[in-house]
């Protein structure tokens, strides 16, 4: 009974016995109601669980901030494999990823329960300490950004090591002259057999919805 009392407060649950039909009538609120006979008690438990799941899902979807850092990432199984398997993912990474996805990390711009709180970056003094600012724009964290970039670059180089093509890292493309000769791509693979040059420039952006991702792709293509 204490559990039913909690459900009554949470879901607005109401119940009554219908003696005419010998059924138990349950009303979970929001138009969700059903009747079960004494022999269908397991069905009643399943329906209550379903109502509870819908209640929590509705509460989550009603939050003011739904986050934005996973809309593009979830489109590719390669990019979000860690959600299913946890491979190459530490617990601290997992904990950070989902708090970042929901935008509930304790940065100054998301502390909504502190009315009138200072929103400035506590490290560099920028007007708004948001997660994109901390990860991609705060000047104090420039060294950390460089390390993050280099870690991704080194992982790609390691994956390409099985390829017989020579690999150049952070060097200009051989045979290029003029202003292009001053450019130094992150990774260059020179395929002499097929007479191709593969140029990879590593970028670790903060996701900003599908529209922004498409705009960047068009600009770089």
N, C-alpha and C. Protein backbone atom coordinates (compact mmCIF):
# COMPACT_ATOMS: atom_id res chain seq x y z
N UNK A 1 0.80 -1.22 0.00
CA UNK A 1 0.00 0.00 0.00
C UNK A 1 0.83 1.27 0.00
N UNK A 2 1.97 1.33 0.72
CA UNK A 2 2.78 2.55 0.64
C UNK A 2 3.21 2.87 -0.79
N UNK A 3 3.49 1.82 -1.59
CA UNK A 3 3.88 2.05 -2.98
C UNK A 3 2.72 2.64 -3.77
N UNK A 4 1.52 2.14 -3.54
CA UNK A 4 0.35 2.69 -4.22
C UNK A 4 0.12 4.14 -3.81
N UNK A 5 0.42 4.43 -2.55
CA UNK A 5 0.28 5.81 -2.10
C UNK A 5 1.22 6.75 -2.83
N UNK A 6 2.46 6.28 -3.06
CA UNK A 6 3.41 7.11 -3.80
C UNK A 6 2.97 7.28 -5.25
N UNK A 7 2.46 6.20 -5.85
CA UNK A 7 1.96 6.30 -7.22
C UNK A 7 0.76 7.23 -7.31
N UNK A 8 -0.05 7.22 -6.27
CA UNK A 8 -1.22 8.10 -6.26
C UNK A 8 -0.80 9.56 -6.30
N UNK A 9 0.25 9.89 -5.57
CA UNK A 9 0.74 11.27 -5.58
C UNK A 9 1.44 11.61 -6.89
N UNK A 10 2.20 10.65 -7.42
CA UNK A 10 3.01 10.91 -8.60
C UNK A 10 2.18 10.93 -9.89
N UNK A 11 1.30 9.95 -10.04
CA UNK A 11 0.54 9.80 -11.28
C UNK A 11 -0.90 10.27 -11.17
N UNK A 12 -1.33 10.61 -9.98
CA UNK A 12 -2.75 10.90 -9.80
C UNK A 12 -3.58 9.62 -9.88
N UNK A 13 -3.00 8.51 -9.40
CA UNK A 13 -3.62 7.19 -9.52
C UNK A 13 -4.88 7.09 -8.66
N UNK A 14 -5.93 6.53 -9.28
CA UNK A 14 -7.19 6.26 -8.58
C UNK A 14 -7.62 4.83 -8.89
N UNK A 15 -8.25 4.18 -7.94
CA UNK A 15 -8.71 2.82 -8.17
C UNK A 15 -10.02 2.57 -7.43
N UNK A 16 -10.80 1.66 -7.98
CA UNK A 16 -12.07 1.28 -7.36
C UNK A 16 -12.47 -0.12 -7.83
N UNK A 17 -13.26 -0.78 -7.02
CA UNK A 17 -13.74 -2.13 -7.35
C UNK A 17 -15.14 -2.03 -7.93
N UNK A 18 -15.31 -2.62 -9.10
CA UNK A 18 -16.62 -2.62 -9.77
C UNK A 18 -17.28 -3.97 -9.49
N UNK A 19 -18.22 -3.98 -8.56
CA UNK A 19 -18.84 -5.25 -8.14
C UNK A 19 -19.73 -5.85 -9.21
N UNK A 20 -20.31 -5.00 -10.06
CA UNK A 20 -21.19 -5.53 -11.11
C UNK A 20 -20.42 -6.40 -12.09
N UNK A 21 -19.25 -5.93 -12.51
CA UNK A 21 -18.45 -6.66 -13.49
C UNK A 21 -17.33 -7.48 -12.84
N UNK A 22 -17.20 -7.33 -11.52
CA UNK A 22 -16.14 -8.02 -10.77
C UNK A 22 -14.76 -7.74 -11.38
N UNK A 23 -14.51 -6.46 -11.59
CA UNK A 23 -13.22 -6.02 -12.14
C UNK A 23 -12.67 -4.90 -11.28
N UNK A 24 -11.38 -4.75 -11.37
CA UNK A 24 -10.67 -3.69 -10.64
C UNK A 24 -10.38 -2.58 -11.64
N UNK A 25 -10.89 -1.39 -11.39
CA UNK A 25 -10.74 -0.26 -12.32
C UNK A 25 -9.63 0.66 -11.82
N UNK A 26 -8.66 0.92 -12.69
CA UNK A 26 -7.53 1.79 -12.37
C UNK A 26 -7.51 2.98 -13.31
N UNK A 27 -7.33 4.16 -12.75
CA UNK A 27 -7.24 5.39 -13.53
C UNK A 27 -5.90 6.04 -13.21
N UNK A 28 -5.01 6.09 -14.21
CA UNK A 28 -3.66 6.65 -14.00
C UNK A 28 -3.58 8.13 -14.33
N UNK A 29 -4.71 8.76 -14.62
CA UNK A 29 -4.67 10.17 -14.96
C UNK A 29 -4.33 10.38 -16.42
N UNK A 30 -4.57 11.60 -16.90
CA UNK A 30 -4.28 11.97 -18.29
C UNK A 30 -4.98 11.04 -19.28
N UNK A 31 -6.19 10.58 -18.92
CA UNK A 31 -6.98 9.76 -19.84
C UNK A 31 -6.59 8.31 -19.91
N UNK A 32 -5.64 7.86 -19.09
CA UNK A 32 -5.21 6.46 -19.11
C UNK A 32 -5.96 5.69 -18.03
N UNK A 33 -6.86 4.80 -18.46
CA UNK A 33 -7.64 4.00 -17.51
C UNK A 33 -7.82 2.60 -18.08
N UNK A 34 -7.92 1.63 -17.21
CA UNK A 34 -8.12 0.25 -17.64
C UNK A 34 -8.74 -0.55 -16.50
N UNK A 35 -9.33 -1.68 -16.88
CA UNK A 35 -9.96 -2.56 -15.90
C UNK A 35 -9.36 -3.96 -16.03
N UNK A 36 -9.18 -4.62 -14.90
CA UNK A 36 -8.63 -5.97 -14.89
C UNK A 36 -9.45 -6.84 -13.94
N UNK A 37 -9.51 -8.10 -14.28
CA UNK A 37 -10.19 -9.06 -13.41
C UNK A 37 -9.20 -9.60 -12.38
N UNK A 38 -9.67 -10.26 -11.34
CA UNK A 38 -8.74 -10.78 -10.33
C UNK A 38 -7.68 -11.71 -10.89
N UNK A 39 -7.96 -12.39 -11.98
CA UNK A 39 -6.97 -13.29 -12.56
C UNK A 39 -5.96 -12.61 -13.45
N UNK A 40 -6.08 -11.29 -13.61
CA UNK A 40 -5.18 -10.54 -14.49
C UNK A 40 -4.28 -9.57 -13.71
N UNK A 41 -3.88 -9.99 -12.52
CA UNK A 41 -3.09 -9.09 -11.68
C UNK A 41 -1.74 -8.74 -12.31
N UNK A 42 -1.16 -9.68 -13.07
CA UNK A 42 0.13 -9.39 -13.70
C UNK A 42 -0.03 -8.34 -14.80
N UNK A 43 -1.18 -8.36 -15.46
CA UNK A 43 -1.45 -7.35 -16.47
C UNK A 43 -1.57 -5.97 -15.83
N UNK A 44 -2.16 -5.91 -14.64
CA UNK A 44 -2.27 -4.63 -13.93
C UNK A 44 -0.90 -4.08 -13.58
N UNK A 45 0.00 -4.96 -13.12
CA UNK A 45 1.36 -4.51 -12.78
C UNK A 45 2.08 -4.00 -14.01
N UNK A 46 1.90 -4.68 -15.15
CA UNK A 46 2.55 -4.24 -16.39
C UNK A 46 2.02 -2.87 -16.82
N UNK A 47 0.71 -2.66 -16.70
CA UNK A 47 0.13 -1.38 -17.10
C UNK A 47 0.60 -0.25 -16.18
N UNK A 48 0.75 -0.55 -14.89
CA UNK A 48 1.25 0.47 -13.96
C UNK A 48 2.69 0.84 -14.29
N UNK A 49 3.50 -0.16 -14.64
CA UNK A 49 4.88 0.14 -15.04
C UNK A 49 4.91 1.00 -16.30
N UNK A 50 4.04 0.68 -17.25
CA UNK A 50 3.97 1.46 -18.49
C UNK A 50 3.58 2.91 -18.20
N UNK A 51 2.60 3.10 -17.33
CA UNK A 51 2.18 4.46 -16.97
C UNK A 51 3.31 5.22 -16.29
N UNK A 52 4.07 4.51 -15.45
CA UNK A 52 5.18 5.16 -14.75
C UNK A 52 6.28 5.56 -15.73
N UNK A 53 6.59 4.68 -16.70
CA UNK A 53 7.59 5.01 -17.72
C UNK A 53 7.15 6.23 -18.52
N UNK A 54 5.88 6.26 -18.92
CA UNK A 54 5.36 7.40 -19.69
C UNK A 54 5.40 8.68 -18.86
N UNK A 55 5.16 8.55 -17.56
CA UNK A 55 5.22 9.73 -16.69
C UNK A 55 6.63 10.31 -16.64
N UNK A 56 7.64 9.45 -16.45
CA UNK A 56 9.02 9.93 -16.37
C UNK A 56 9.49 10.46 -17.72
N UNK A 57 9.08 9.80 -18.81
CA UNK A 57 9.45 10.28 -20.14
C UNK A 57 8.84 11.65 -20.41
N UNK A 58 7.58 11.82 -20.01
CA UNK A 58 6.94 13.12 -20.19
C UNK A 58 7.61 14.20 -19.36
N UNK A 59 8.02 13.86 -18.13
CA UNK A 59 8.71 14.83 -17.29
C UNK A 59 10.04 15.25 -17.90
N UNK A 60 10.77 14.28 -18.49
CA UNK A 60 12.04 14.59 -19.11
C UNK A 60 11.85 15.46 -20.35
N UNK A 61 10.85 15.13 -21.17
CA UNK A 61 10.61 15.90 -22.39
C UNK A 61 10.08 17.30 -22.09
N UNK A 62 9.51 17.48 -20.90
CA UNK A 62 8.98 18.79 -20.53
C UNK A 62 10.06 19.72 -19.98
N UNK A 63 11.27 19.21 -19.80
CA UNK A 63 12.35 20.05 -19.29
C UNK A 63 12.62 21.20 -20.26
N UNK A 64 13.01 22.32 -19.70
CA UNK A 64 13.24 23.51 -20.52
C UNK A 64 14.37 23.30 -21.51
N UNK A 65 15.43 22.65 -21.08
CA UNK A 65 16.61 22.45 -21.92
C UNK A 65 16.75 20.97 -22.24
N UNK A 66 16.59 20.62 -23.50
CA UNK A 66 16.71 19.23 -23.92
C UNK A 66 18.13 18.87 -24.35
N UNK A 67 19.04 19.85 -24.30
CA UNK A 67 20.39 19.59 -24.75
C UNK A 67 20.47 19.59 -26.27
N UNK A 68 21.70 19.65 -26.78
CA UNK A 68 21.85 19.68 -28.24
C UNK A 68 23.10 18.94 -28.69
N UNK A 69 23.84 18.37 -27.77
CA UNK A 69 25.16 17.84 -28.10
C UNK A 69 25.15 16.39 -28.56
N UNK A 70 23.99 15.88 -28.98
CA UNK A 70 23.95 14.48 -29.40
C UNK A 70 23.11 14.28 -30.66
N UNK A 71 22.61 15.34 -31.23
CA UNK A 71 21.69 15.21 -32.36
C UNK A 71 22.39 14.66 -33.60
N UNK A 72 23.59 15.12 -33.88
CA UNK A 72 24.34 14.64 -35.04
C UNK A 72 25.04 13.33 -34.71
N UNK A 73 25.59 13.25 -33.51
CA UNK A 73 26.36 12.07 -33.11
C UNK A 73 25.54 10.79 -33.16
N UNK A 74 24.27 10.88 -32.82
CA UNK A 74 23.44 9.67 -32.77
C UNK A 74 23.07 9.15 -34.15
N UNK A 75 23.37 9.90 -35.20
CA UNK A 75 23.02 9.47 -36.55
C UNK A 75 23.91 8.34 -37.05
N UNK A 76 25.07 8.17 -36.46
CA UNK A 76 26.02 7.16 -36.93
C UNK A 76 26.31 6.16 -35.82
N UNK A 77 26.18 4.87 -36.13
CA UNK A 77 26.50 3.84 -35.15
C UNK A 77 27.98 3.85 -34.78
N UNK A 78 28.82 4.26 -35.73
CA UNK A 78 30.26 4.31 -35.46
C UNK A 78 30.56 5.35 -34.39
N UNK A 79 29.82 6.45 -34.40
CA UNK A 79 30.09 7.55 -33.48
C UNK A 79 29.52 7.31 -32.09
N UNK A 80 28.49 6.49 -31.97
CA UNK A 80 27.88 6.30 -30.65
C UNK A 80 27.92 4.85 -30.18
N UNK A 81 28.94 4.10 -30.62
CA UNK A 81 29.05 2.69 -30.24
C UNK A 81 29.14 2.51 -28.73
N UNK A 82 29.70 3.50 -28.04
CA UNK A 82 29.91 3.37 -26.60
C UNK A 82 28.60 3.31 -25.83
N UNK A 83 27.51 3.78 -26.42
CA UNK A 83 26.22 3.70 -25.75
C UNK A 83 25.75 2.26 -25.62
N UNK A 84 26.09 1.45 -26.61
CA UNK A 84 25.64 0.06 -26.60
C UNK A 84 26.64 -0.87 -25.91
N UNK A 85 27.92 -0.66 -26.15
CA UNK A 85 28.92 -1.61 -25.65
C UNK A 85 29.80 -1.06 -24.54
N UNK A 86 29.97 0.27 -24.47
CA UNK A 86 30.88 0.85 -23.49
C UNK A 86 32.33 0.66 -23.84
N UNK A 87 32.61 0.20 -25.05
CA UNK A 87 33.98 -0.09 -25.45
C UNK A 87 34.82 1.19 -25.51
N UNK A 88 36.04 1.11 -24.99
CA UNK A 88 36.97 2.24 -24.97
C UNK A 88 36.42 3.45 -24.20
N UNK A 89 35.51 3.19 -23.28
CA UNK A 89 34.88 4.28 -22.53
C UNK A 89 35.03 4.02 -21.04
N UNK A 90 35.65 4.96 -20.34
CA UNK A 90 35.76 4.84 -18.89
C UNK A 90 34.47 5.32 -18.23
N UNK A 91 34.28 4.95 -16.97
CA UNK A 91 33.06 5.36 -16.29
C UNK A 91 32.97 6.88 -16.19
N UNK A 92 34.10 7.54 -15.94
CA UNK A 92 34.08 9.00 -15.84
C UNK A 92 33.68 9.62 -17.18
N UNK A 93 34.10 9.00 -18.31
CA UNK A 93 33.69 9.49 -19.63
C UNK A 93 32.19 9.33 -19.81
N UNK A 94 31.68 8.17 -19.45
CA UNK A 94 30.25 7.89 -19.56
C UNK A 94 29.45 8.90 -18.74
N UNK A 95 29.90 9.16 -17.53
CA UNK A 95 29.21 10.10 -16.65
C UNK A 95 29.20 11.50 -17.25
N UNK A 96 30.32 11.91 -17.83
CA UNK A 96 30.41 13.24 -18.43
C UNK A 96 29.54 13.34 -19.68
N UNK A 97 29.57 12.31 -20.52
CA UNK A 97 28.86 12.34 -21.80
C UNK A 97 27.38 12.61 -21.60
N UNK A 98 26.76 11.91 -20.67
CA UNK A 98 25.31 12.03 -20.52
C UNK A 98 24.92 13.32 -19.80
N UNK A 99 25.74 13.80 -18.91
CA UNK A 99 25.46 15.10 -18.30
C UNK A 99 25.64 16.21 -19.32
N UNK A 100 26.64 16.06 -20.21
CA UNK A 100 26.83 17.05 -21.27
C UNK A 100 25.67 17.00 -22.26
N UNK A 101 25.21 15.79 -22.57
CA UNK A 101 24.11 15.63 -23.52
C UNK A 101 22.85 16.34 -23.04
N UNK A 102 22.59 16.30 -21.74
CA UNK A 102 21.41 16.92 -21.16
C UNK A 102 21.67 18.35 -20.69
N UNK A 103 22.90 18.83 -20.88
CA UNK A 103 23.28 20.19 -20.50
C UNK A 103 23.02 20.45 -19.01
N UNK A 104 23.44 19.52 -18.16
CA UNK A 104 23.28 19.69 -16.72
C UNK A 104 24.62 19.70 -16.00
N UNK A 105 25.70 19.90 -16.73
CA UNK A 105 27.00 20.05 -16.07
C UNK A 105 27.03 21.36 -15.28
N UNK A 106 27.75 21.41 -14.16
CA UNK A 106 27.71 22.59 -13.29
C UNK A 106 28.52 23.77 -13.80
N UNK A 107 28.23 24.23 -15.01
CA UNK A 107 28.83 25.47 -15.50
C UNK A 107 27.89 26.62 -15.13
N UNK A 108 28.43 27.82 -15.03
CA UNK A 108 27.66 28.93 -14.47
C UNK A 108 26.38 29.25 -15.24
N UNK A 109 26.36 29.03 -16.55
CA UNK A 109 25.18 29.39 -17.33
C UNK A 109 24.02 28.43 -17.14
N UNK A 110 24.25 27.26 -16.55
CA UNK A 110 23.17 26.28 -16.37
C UNK A 110 22.70 26.16 -14.93
N UNK A 111 23.22 26.97 -14.03
CA UNK A 111 22.80 26.91 -12.63
C UNK A 111 21.51 27.72 -12.47
N UNK A 112 20.40 27.16 -12.94
CA UNK A 112 19.14 27.91 -12.99
C UNK A 112 18.50 28.09 -11.62
N UNK A 113 18.90 27.25 -10.66
CA UNK A 113 18.29 27.38 -9.33
C UNK A 113 18.87 28.53 -8.53
N UNK A 114 19.97 29.13 -9.03
CA UNK A 114 20.56 30.29 -8.36
C UNK A 114 20.16 31.54 -9.13
N UNK A 115 19.07 32.16 -8.73
CA UNK A 115 18.58 33.34 -9.43
C UNK A 115 19.57 34.50 -9.25
N UNK A 116 19.88 35.16 -10.36
CA UNK A 116 20.79 36.30 -10.31
C UNK A 116 22.25 35.91 -10.15
N UNK A 117 22.58 34.64 -10.36
CA UNK A 117 23.97 34.19 -10.20
C UNK A 117 24.84 34.73 -11.33
N UNK A 118 26.11 34.87 -11.06
CA UNK A 118 27.07 35.35 -12.05
C UNK A 118 27.25 34.30 -13.13
N UNK A 119 26.98 34.67 -14.39
CA UNK A 119 27.08 33.73 -15.51
C UNK A 119 28.45 33.77 -16.18
N UNK A 120 29.35 34.63 -15.74
CA UNK A 120 30.64 34.76 -16.40
C UNK A 120 31.51 33.53 -16.19
N UNK A 121 32.43 33.33 -17.14
CA UNK A 121 33.37 32.22 -17.03
C UNK A 121 34.29 32.46 -15.84
N UNK A 122 34.42 31.49 -14.98
CA UNK A 122 35.22 31.65 -13.77
C UNK A 122 36.72 31.59 -14.06
N UNK A 123 37.11 31.21 -15.31
CA UNK A 123 38.52 31.12 -15.65
C UNK A 123 39.01 32.32 -16.46
N UNK A 124 38.24 32.71 -17.49
CA UNK A 124 38.71 33.79 -18.36
C UNK A 124 37.86 35.04 -18.29
N UNK A 125 36.70 34.98 -17.61
CA UNK A 125 35.86 36.16 -17.46
C UNK A 125 34.94 36.43 -18.63
N UNK A 126 34.78 35.50 -19.56
CA UNK A 126 33.86 35.68 -20.69
C UNK A 126 32.43 35.87 -20.17
N UNK A 127 31.56 36.55 -20.94
CA UNK A 127 30.21 36.87 -20.44
C UNK A 127 29.37 35.66 -20.05
N UNK A 128 29.55 34.52 -20.72
CA UNK A 128 28.70 33.36 -20.44
C UNK A 128 29.54 32.09 -20.40
N UNK A 129 29.50 31.40 -19.26
CA UNK A 129 30.24 30.15 -19.11
C UNK A 129 29.34 28.99 -19.51
N UNK A 130 29.30 28.71 -20.81
CA UNK A 130 28.55 27.59 -21.34
C UNK A 130 29.49 26.42 -21.60
N UNK A 131 28.91 25.25 -21.85
CA UNK A 131 29.74 24.09 -22.16
C UNK A 131 30.53 24.27 -23.46
N UNK A 132 29.92 24.81 -24.54
CA UNK A 132 30.72 25.08 -25.75
C UNK A 132 31.88 26.03 -25.49
N UNK A 133 31.66 27.03 -24.64
CA UNK A 133 32.73 27.97 -24.32
C UNK A 133 33.87 27.26 -23.59
N UNK A 134 33.53 26.45 -22.59
CA UNK A 134 34.57 25.77 -21.80
C UNK A 134 35.38 24.82 -22.67
N UNK A 135 34.71 24.07 -23.53
CA UNK A 135 35.40 23.05 -24.32
C UNK A 135 36.12 23.60 -25.54
N UNK A 136 35.59 24.67 -26.15
CA UNK A 136 36.11 25.08 -27.45
C UNK A 136 36.59 26.52 -27.55
N UNK A 137 36.30 27.36 -26.56
CA UNK A 137 36.61 28.77 -26.74
C UNK A 137 37.40 29.41 -25.60
N UNK A 138 37.34 28.85 -24.41
CA UNK A 138 38.03 29.46 -23.27
C UNK A 138 39.54 29.43 -23.51
N UNK A 139 40.18 30.59 -23.46
CA UNK A 139 41.61 30.68 -23.76
C UNK A 139 42.46 29.94 -22.72
N UNK A 140 41.97 29.84 -21.50
CA UNK A 140 42.72 29.15 -20.45
C UNK A 140 42.88 27.66 -20.78
N UNK A 141 41.91 27.11 -21.51
CA UNK A 141 41.91 25.68 -21.81
C UNK A 141 42.46 25.38 -23.21
N UNK A 142 43.20 26.30 -23.79
CA UNK A 142 43.72 26.08 -25.15
C UNK A 142 44.66 24.88 -25.21
N UNK A 143 45.47 24.68 -24.18
CA UNK A 143 46.39 23.53 -24.17
C UNK A 143 45.61 22.21 -24.11
N UNK A 144 44.53 22.18 -23.35
CA UNK A 144 43.70 20.97 -23.27
C UNK A 144 43.04 20.69 -24.62
N UNK A 145 42.61 21.74 -25.31
CA UNK A 145 42.03 21.55 -26.64
C UNK A 145 43.05 20.97 -27.60
N UNK A 146 44.29 21.46 -27.52
CA UNK A 146 45.34 20.95 -28.40
C UNK A 146 45.62 19.48 -28.11
N UNK A 147 45.64 19.11 -26.84
CA UNK A 147 45.87 17.70 -26.49
C UNK A 147 44.73 16.82 -26.99
N UNK A 148 43.50 17.32 -26.88
CA UNK A 148 42.36 16.55 -27.37
C UNK A 148 42.46 16.33 -28.87
N UNK A 149 42.84 17.38 -29.59
CA UNK A 149 43.03 17.28 -31.04
C UNK A 149 44.13 16.28 -31.37
N UNK A 150 45.25 16.37 -30.66
CA UNK A 150 46.39 15.48 -30.94
C UNK A 150 46.07 14.02 -30.61
N UNK A 151 45.27 13.80 -29.59
CA UNK A 151 44.89 12.42 -29.25
C UNK A 151 44.07 11.79 -30.37
N UNK A 152 43.14 12.57 -30.93
CA UNK A 152 42.34 12.06 -32.06
C UNK A 152 43.25 11.83 -33.26
N UNK A 153 44.14 12.79 -33.51
CA UNK A 153 45.07 12.66 -34.64
C UNK A 153 45.95 11.42 -34.50
N UNK A 154 46.50 11.20 -33.31
CA UNK A 154 47.37 10.04 -33.09
C UNK A 154 46.61 8.73 -33.25
N UNK A 155 45.35 8.73 -32.84
CA UNK A 155 44.55 7.50 -33.00
C UNK A 155 44.32 7.20 -34.48
N UNK A 156 44.09 8.22 -35.28
CA UNK A 156 43.91 8.02 -36.72
C UNK A 156 45.20 7.55 -37.38
N UNK A 157 46.32 8.13 -36.96
CA UNK A 157 47.62 7.72 -37.51
C UNK A 157 47.89 6.26 -37.18
N UNK A 158 47.56 5.86 -35.96
CA UNK A 158 47.75 4.46 -35.55
C UNK A 158 46.90 3.52 -36.39
N UNK A 159 45.67 3.95 -36.70
CA UNK A 159 44.78 3.12 -37.52
C UNK A 159 45.27 3.03 -38.96
N UNK A 160 45.95 4.08 -39.43
CA UNK A 160 46.45 4.09 -40.81
C UNK A 160 47.81 3.41 -40.95
N UNK A 161 48.41 3.02 -39.83
CA UNK A 161 49.76 2.46 -39.89
C UNK A 161 49.82 1.16 -40.67
N UNK A 162 48.69 0.44 -40.74
CA UNK A 162 48.67 -0.82 -41.50
C UNK A 162 48.69 -0.58 -43.00
N UNK A 163 48.41 0.65 -43.41
CA UNK A 163 48.42 0.98 -44.84
C UNK A 163 49.86 1.17 -45.31
N UNK A 164 50.23 0.62 -46.46
CA UNK A 164 51.62 0.76 -46.93
C UNK A 164 51.99 2.16 -47.38
N UNK A 165 51.01 3.04 -47.52
CA UNK A 165 51.30 4.40 -47.98
C UNK A 165 52.09 5.16 -46.92
N UNK A 166 53.06 5.97 -47.33
CA UNK A 166 53.79 6.80 -46.36
C UNK A 166 52.87 7.85 -45.75
N UNK A 167 53.06 8.09 -44.46
CA UNK A 167 52.21 9.02 -43.72
C UNK A 167 53.04 10.20 -43.24
N UNK A 168 52.56 11.41 -43.49
CA UNK A 168 53.20 12.62 -42.99
C UNK A 168 52.23 13.33 -42.06
N UNK A 169 52.71 13.70 -40.90
CA UNK A 169 51.88 14.35 -39.89
C UNK A 169 52.34 15.78 -39.69
N UNK A 170 51.40 16.70 -39.84
CA UNK A 170 51.67 18.13 -39.63
C UNK A 170 52.79 18.63 -40.55
N UNK A 171 52.73 18.22 -41.81
CA UNK A 171 53.68 18.67 -42.81
C UNK A 171 52.93 19.13 -44.06
N UNK A 172 53.58 19.98 -44.84
CA UNK A 172 52.98 20.42 -46.09
C UNK A 172 52.95 19.27 -47.09
N UNK A 173 52.09 19.40 -48.09
CA UNK A 173 51.96 18.36 -49.11
C UNK A 173 53.10 18.49 -50.11
N UNK A 174 53.79 17.41 -50.36
CA UNK A 174 54.91 17.43 -51.29
C UNK A 174 54.42 17.69 -52.72
N UNK A 175 55.18 18.51 -53.43
CA UNK A 175 54.84 18.82 -54.81
C UNK A 175 53.90 19.99 -54.97
N UNK A 176 53.47 20.60 -53.87
CA UNK A 176 52.57 21.75 -53.93
C UNK A 176 53.39 23.02 -53.78
N UNK A 177 53.06 24.04 -54.58
CA UNK A 177 53.84 25.28 -54.58
C UNK A 177 52.92 26.47 -54.31
N UNK A 178 53.53 27.61 -54.15
CA UNK A 178 52.78 28.84 -53.90
C UNK A 178 52.25 28.92 -52.49
N UNK A 179 51.11 29.60 -52.35
CA UNK A 179 50.54 29.78 -51.01
C UNK A 179 50.08 28.46 -50.40
N UNK A 180 49.70 27.50 -51.24
CA UNK A 180 49.26 26.20 -50.71
C UNK A 180 50.39 25.45 -50.02
N UNK A 181 51.63 25.77 -50.40
CA UNK A 181 52.78 25.09 -49.79
C UNK A 181 52.95 25.46 -48.32
N UNK A 182 52.33 26.58 -47.92
CA UNK A 182 52.45 27.00 -46.51
C UNK A 182 51.47 26.27 -45.60
N UNK A 183 50.49 25.58 -46.20
CA UNK A 183 49.49 24.86 -45.41
C UNK A 183 50.06 23.53 -44.93
N UNK A 184 49.73 23.18 -43.70
CA UNK A 184 50.25 21.94 -43.09
C UNK A 184 49.08 21.11 -42.57
N UNK A 185 48.51 20.25 -43.41
CA UNK A 185 47.41 19.39 -42.95
C UNK A 185 47.86 18.47 -41.82
N UNK A 186 46.91 18.02 -41.04
CA UNK A 186 47.23 17.14 -39.92
C UNK A 186 47.82 15.82 -40.40
N UNK A 187 47.17 15.19 -41.37
CA UNK A 187 47.62 13.88 -41.85
C UNK A 187 47.58 13.87 -43.38
N UNK A 188 48.66 13.39 -43.99
CA UNK A 188 48.72 13.25 -45.45
C UNK A 188 49.19 11.84 -45.78
N UNK A 189 48.39 11.11 -46.57
CA UNK A 189 48.77 9.78 -47.04
C UNK A 189 48.97 9.86 -48.55
N UNK A 190 50.13 9.45 -49.00
CA UNK A 190 50.46 9.51 -50.42
C UNK A 190 50.43 8.10 -51.01
N UNK A 191 49.44 7.83 -51.84
CA UNK A 191 49.26 6.52 -52.46
C UNK A 191 49.88 6.56 -53.86
N UNK A 192 51.10 6.05 -53.96
CA UNK A 192 51.82 6.09 -55.23
C UNK A 192 51.22 5.09 -56.24
N UNK A 193 50.67 4.00 -55.76
CA UNK A 193 50.13 2.98 -56.65
C UNK A 193 48.92 3.51 -57.43
N UNK A 194 47.99 4.12 -56.71
CA UNK A 194 46.78 4.64 -57.35
C UNK A 194 46.89 6.13 -57.67
N UNK A 195 48.08 6.69 -57.39
CA UNK A 195 48.35 8.10 -57.69
C UNK A 195 47.30 9.01 -57.03
N UNK A 196 47.17 8.84 -55.74
CA UNK A 196 46.23 9.64 -54.97
C UNK A 196 46.91 10.18 -53.72
N UNK A 197 46.41 11.31 -53.26
CA UNK A 197 46.86 11.88 -51.99
C UNK A 197 45.64 12.07 -51.10
N UNK A 198 45.66 11.48 -49.94
CA UNK A 198 44.56 11.60 -48.98
C UNK A 198 44.98 12.62 -47.91
N UNK A 199 44.21 13.67 -47.79
CA UNK A 199 44.49 14.73 -46.82
C UNK A 199 43.42 14.71 -45.74
N UNK A 200 43.84 14.61 -44.49
CA UNK A 200 42.92 14.58 -43.36
C UNK A 200 43.24 15.75 -42.43
N UNK A 201 42.25 16.58 -42.19
CA UNK A 201 42.41 17.69 -41.25
C UNK A 201 41.48 17.43 -40.07
N UNK A 202 42.04 17.17 -38.92
CA UNK A 202 41.27 16.78 -37.74
C UNK A 202 40.62 18.01 -37.11
N UNK A 203 39.34 17.87 -36.81
CA UNK A 203 38.61 18.96 -36.14
C UNK A 203 37.72 18.34 -35.07
N UNK A 204 37.73 18.93 -33.89
CA UNK A 204 36.90 18.43 -32.78
C UNK A 204 35.94 19.55 -32.40
N UNK A 205 34.84 19.70 -33.15
CA UNK A 205 33.92 20.80 -32.88
C UNK A 205 32.92 20.46 -31.79
N UNK A 206 32.24 21.47 -31.29
CA UNK A 206 31.11 21.23 -30.39
C UNK A 206 29.86 21.19 -31.25
N UNK A 207 29.13 20.10 -31.14
CA UNK A 207 27.96 19.92 -32.01
C UNK A 207 26.93 21.03 -31.82
N UNK A 208 26.39 21.51 -32.93
CA UNK A 208 25.41 22.60 -32.88
C UNK A 208 24.25 22.30 -33.84
N UNK A 209 23.63 21.15 -33.67
CA UNK A 209 22.46 20.74 -34.44
C UNK A 209 22.81 20.32 -35.87
N UNK A 210 21.85 19.67 -36.52
CA UNK A 210 22.06 19.13 -37.85
C UNK A 210 22.25 20.22 -38.90
N UNK A 211 21.52 21.33 -38.76
CA UNK A 211 21.61 22.40 -39.75
C UNK A 211 23.01 22.97 -39.79
N UNK A 212 23.59 23.24 -38.62
CA UNK A 212 24.95 23.79 -38.56
C UNK A 212 25.95 22.79 -39.11
N UNK A 213 25.76 21.51 -38.81
CA UNK A 213 26.67 20.49 -39.32
C UNK A 213 26.63 20.42 -40.84
N UNK A 214 25.43 20.51 -41.41
CA UNK A 214 25.30 20.50 -42.86
C UNK A 214 25.93 21.72 -43.51
N UNK A 215 25.80 22.88 -42.85
CA UNK A 215 26.39 24.10 -43.38
C UNK A 215 27.91 24.01 -43.43
N UNK A 216 28.50 23.48 -42.37
CA UNK A 216 29.96 23.32 -42.33
C UNK A 216 30.42 22.33 -43.38
N UNK A 217 29.68 21.23 -43.55
CA UNK A 217 30.06 20.23 -44.55
C UNK A 217 30.04 20.82 -45.95
N UNK A 218 29.04 21.65 -46.24
CA UNK A 218 28.96 22.29 -47.56
C UNK A 218 30.10 23.27 -47.76
N UNK A 219 30.48 23.97 -46.70
CA UNK A 219 31.56 24.95 -46.82
C UNK A 219 32.90 24.28 -47.05
N UNK A 220 33.10 23.10 -46.46
CA UNK A 220 34.38 22.41 -46.58
C UNK A 220 34.47 21.52 -47.81
N UNK A 221 33.33 21.21 -48.42
CA UNK A 221 33.34 20.31 -49.58
C UNK A 221 33.77 21.04 -50.85
